[in-house]
N, C-alpha and C. Protein backbone atom coordinates (compact mmCIF):
# COMPACT_ATOMS: atom_id res chain seq x y z
N MET A 1 -7.25 17.89 -2.35
CA MET A 1 -5.40 17.37 -2.90
C MET A 1 -5.23 18.14 -4.62
N ASN A 2 -4.23 17.95 -4.34
CA ASN A 2 -3.72 18.39 -5.74
C ASN A 2 -4.23 17.66 -6.21
N SER A 3 -4.80 18.79 -7.61
CA SER A 3 -5.69 18.11 -8.88
C SER A 3 -4.26 17.03 -9.77
N THR A 4 -3.37 16.99 -9.67
CA THR A 4 -2.14 16.53 -10.53
C THR A 4 -2.05 15.13 -9.85
N ILE A 5 -2.18 15.04 -8.52
CA ILE A 5 -2.08 14.37 -7.66
C ILE A 5 -3.29 12.75 -7.79
N GLN A 6 -4.43 13.88 -7.54
CA GLN A 6 -5.54 13.02 -7.79
C GLN A 6 -6.11 12.63 -9.16
N LYS A 7 -5.49 13.22 -10.09
CA LYS A 7 -5.61 12.46 -11.42
C LYS A 7 -4.57 11.32 -11.54
N SER A 8 -3.58 11.13 -10.92
CA SER A 8 -2.49 9.96 -11.11
C SER A 8 -2.87 8.98 -10.34
N ILE A 9 -3.75 9.46 -9.67
CA ILE A 9 -4.33 8.08 -8.09
C ILE A 9 -5.33 7.70 -9.20
N SER A 10 -6.08 8.86 -9.85
CA SER A 10 -7.47 8.32 -10.77
C SER A 10 -7.14 6.94 -11.55
N ALA A 11 -5.91 7.18 -12.41
CA ALA A 11 -5.61 6.66 -13.54
C ALA A 11 -4.91 5.28 -13.05
N VAL A 12 -4.03 5.32 -11.88
CA VAL A 12 -3.40 4.03 -11.82
C VAL A 12 -4.39 3.54 -11.33
N PHE A 13 -5.54 3.82 -10.47
CA PHE A 13 -6.62 2.66 -9.90
C PHE A 13 -7.86 2.91 -10.73
N GLU A 14 -7.60 3.79 -11.88
CA GLU A 14 -8.96 3.77 -12.66
C GLU A 14 -10.17 3.76 -11.81
N THR A 15 -9.89 4.76 -11.08
CA THR A 15 -11.22 5.01 -10.46
C THR A 15 -12.44 5.90 -11.20
N ASP A 16 -12.14 6.20 -12.02
CA ASP A 16 -13.33 6.69 -12.93
C ASP A 16 -14.24 5.78 -13.75
N GLN A 17 -13.85 4.51 -13.53
CA GLN A 17 -14.95 3.57 -13.69
C GLN A 17 -15.47 2.59 -12.21
N LEU A 18 -15.43 3.16 -11.31
CA LEU A 18 -15.60 2.97 -10.22
C LEU A 18 -16.68 3.77 -9.63
N LEU A 19 -18.07 2.79 -8.79
CA LEU A 19 -18.87 3.72 -8.18
C LEU A 19 -18.35 4.20 -7.27
N PRO A 20 -19.21 5.15 -6.51
CA PRO A 20 -18.73 5.75 -5.31
C PRO A 20 -18.14 4.99 -4.20
N GLU A 21 -19.76 3.67 -3.74
CA GLU A 21 -19.09 3.19 -2.91
C GLU A 21 -17.89 2.14 -3.08
N GLU A 22 -17.39 1.90 -4.27
CA GLU A 22 -15.95 1.17 -4.55
C GLU A 22 -15.14 1.54 -4.67
N ILE A 23 -15.06 3.16 -4.87
CA ILE A 23 -14.12 4.35 -4.52
C ILE A 23 -13.23 4.21 -2.93
N GLU A 24 -14.64 4.52 -2.22
CA GLU A 24 -14.71 4.63 -0.80
C GLU A 24 -14.02 3.41 0.12
N GLU A 25 -14.39 2.00 -0.74
CA GLU A 25 -14.07 0.83 -0.49
C GLU A 25 -12.63 0.54 -0.69
N LEU A 26 -12.15 0.94 -2.06
CA LEU A 26 -10.94 1.17 -2.33
C LEU A 26 -9.83 1.93 -1.33
N VAL A 27 -10.35 2.94 -0.91
CA VAL A 27 -9.09 4.07 -0.36
C VAL A 27 -9.85 3.21 0.97
N LEU A 28 -10.77 2.57 1.88
CA LEU A 28 -10.23 2.11 2.89
C LEU A 28 -9.38 0.89 3.19
N ARG A 29 -9.43 0.10 2.22
CA ARG A 29 -8.23 -0.87 2.20
C ARG A 29 -6.96 -0.70 1.97
N VAL A 30 -6.55 0.63 0.87
CA VAL A 30 -5.31 0.86 0.43
C VAL A 30 -4.77 1.87 1.96
N GLY A 31 -5.67 2.48 2.66
CA GLY A 31 -5.56 2.83 3.83
C GLY A 31 -5.50 1.75 5.03
N ALA A 32 -5.75 0.68 5.08
CA ALA A 32 -5.38 -0.45 5.76
C ALA A 32 -4.25 -0.94 5.80
N LEU A 33 -3.79 -1.38 4.41
CA LEU A 33 -2.33 -1.65 4.13
C LEU A 33 -1.54 -0.79 4.41
N ILE A 34 -1.59 0.44 4.09
CA ILE A 34 -0.63 1.48 4.85
C ILE A 34 -0.13 1.48 6.20
N TYR A 35 -1.28 1.35 6.95
CA TYR A 35 -1.48 1.42 8.47
C TYR A 35 -0.62 0.06 8.87
N GLN A 36 -1.01 -1.07 8.31
CA GLN A 36 -0.20 -2.12 8.68
C GLN A 36 1.10 -2.06 8.22
N ASN A 37 1.64 -1.31 6.94
CA ASN A 37 2.95 -1.70 6.60
C ASN A 37 3.56 -0.63 7.89
N ILE A 38 3.05 0.98 8.33
CA ILE A 38 3.80 1.79 9.31
C ILE A 38 3.92 0.55 10.21
N ILE A 39 2.85 0.15 11.05
CA ILE A 39 2.96 -0.93 12.18
C ILE A 39 4.11 -1.46 12.28
N THR A 40 4.26 -2.61 10.77
CA THR A 40 5.01 -3.29 10.79
C THR A 40 6.61 -2.96 10.90
N ARG A 41 6.72 -1.75 10.27
CA ARG A 41 8.09 -1.57 9.86
C ARG A 41 8.50 -1.00 11.24
N SER A 42 7.59 0.10 11.93
CA SER A 42 7.95 0.74 13.15
C SER A 42 7.97 -0.48 14.62
N LEU A 43 7.69 -1.66 14.30
CA LEU A 43 7.85 -2.93 15.58
C LEU A 43 9.15 -3.21 15.03
N GLU A 44 9.64 -3.43 13.69
CA GLU A 44 10.70 -3.87 13.08
C GLU A 44 12.06 -3.26 13.75
N ASN A 45 11.51 -1.94 14.62
CA ASN A 45 12.98 -0.93 14.43
C ASN A 45 13.31 -0.54 15.95
N MET A 46 11.54 -1.13 16.88
CA MET A 46 11.94 -1.08 18.47
C MET A 46 12.62 -2.65 19.13
N SER A 47 13.05 -1.68 19.75
CA SER A 47 13.43 -3.35 21.27
C SER A 47 12.39 -3.83 21.83
N ASP A 48 12.57 -5.04 22.35
CA ASP A 48 12.05 -5.86 22.96
C ASP A 48 10.80 -4.58 23.92
N ASN A 49 11.63 -4.42 24.25
CA ASN A 49 11.08 -3.10 25.59
C ASN A 49 10.02 -2.60 25.04
N ASP A 50 10.08 -1.64 24.08
CA ASP A 50 9.46 -0.68 23.31
C ASP A 50 8.46 -0.98 22.64
N GLN A 51 8.59 -2.62 21.72
CA GLN A 51 7.25 -3.05 21.49
C GLN A 51 6.50 -3.65 22.74
N ASP A 52 6.52 -3.84 23.78
CA ASP A 52 5.85 -4.58 24.74
C ASP A 52 5.13 -3.30 25.20
N GLU A 53 5.72 -1.82 25.69
CA GLU A 53 4.84 -0.67 25.69
C GLU A 53 4.04 -0.32 24.82
N PHE A 54 4.53 -0.56 23.45
CA PHE A 54 3.81 -0.21 22.41
C PHE A 54 2.34 -1.33 22.24
N GLU A 55 2.42 -2.31 22.64
CA GLU A 55 1.33 -3.32 22.43
C GLU A 55 0.42 -2.48 23.75
N LYS A 56 0.81 -2.50 24.80
CA LYS A 56 0.08 -1.87 26.03
C LYS A 56 -0.92 -0.55 25.69
N ILE A 57 -0.14 0.22 24.83
CA ILE A 57 -0.71 1.29 24.39
C ILE A 57 -1.87 1.33 23.24
N LEU A 58 -1.82 -0.06 22.66
CA LEU A 58 -2.61 -0.63 21.62
C LEU A 58 -4.37 -1.31 22.20
N GLU A 59 -2.94 -1.94 23.13
CA GLU A 59 -4.81 -2.92 23.76
C GLU A 59 -5.14 -2.13 24.68
N ALA A 60 -4.89 -1.24 25.51
CA ALA A 60 -5.75 0.20 26.20
C ALA A 60 -6.80 0.83 25.15
N LEU A 61 -5.87 1.29 23.84
CA LEU A 61 -6.90 1.77 22.97
C LEU A 61 -7.94 1.38 22.61
N PHE A 62 -7.77 0.11 22.41
CA PHE A 62 -9.04 -0.68 21.29
C PHE A 62 -9.95 -1.23 22.72
N SER A 63 -9.66 -1.23 23.58
CA SER A 63 -10.33 -1.61 24.98
C SER A 63 -11.55 -0.61 24.93
N LEU A 64 -11.46 0.87 24.08
CA LEU A 64 -12.18 2.11 25.17
C LEU A 64 -13.33 1.98 24.00
N SER A 65 -14.63 2.55 24.22
CA SER A 65 -15.06 2.71 23.61
C SER A 65 -15.08 3.82 22.19
N PRO A 66 -15.61 4.03 21.47
CA PRO A 66 -15.66 5.30 21.02
C PRO A 66 -15.74 6.79 21.29
N SER A 67 -16.83 6.97 22.15
CA SER A 67 -17.09 8.11 22.91
C SER A 67 -16.17 8.00 23.81
N GLU A 68 -15.23 7.40 24.23
CA GLU A 68 -13.85 8.01 25.00
C GLU A 68 -12.61 8.32 24.55
N TYR A 69 -12.57 7.90 23.16
CA TYR A 69 -11.41 8.45 22.42
C TYR A 69 -11.00 9.97 22.45
């Protein structure tokens, strides 16, 4: 990662004061929030038919075991 960006992120989230496990948890939570926001915005822009198809795709993916990805 670009060191300037990394320093900015560190400053905003004060990661220099966190344990590695806490940093990992923070990254996972922020990633989940970004993912949820992307899905929400995408669904808002889809037609009803596209939303139905997208839901079917997600259901199929979530029914797979990790070895099947």
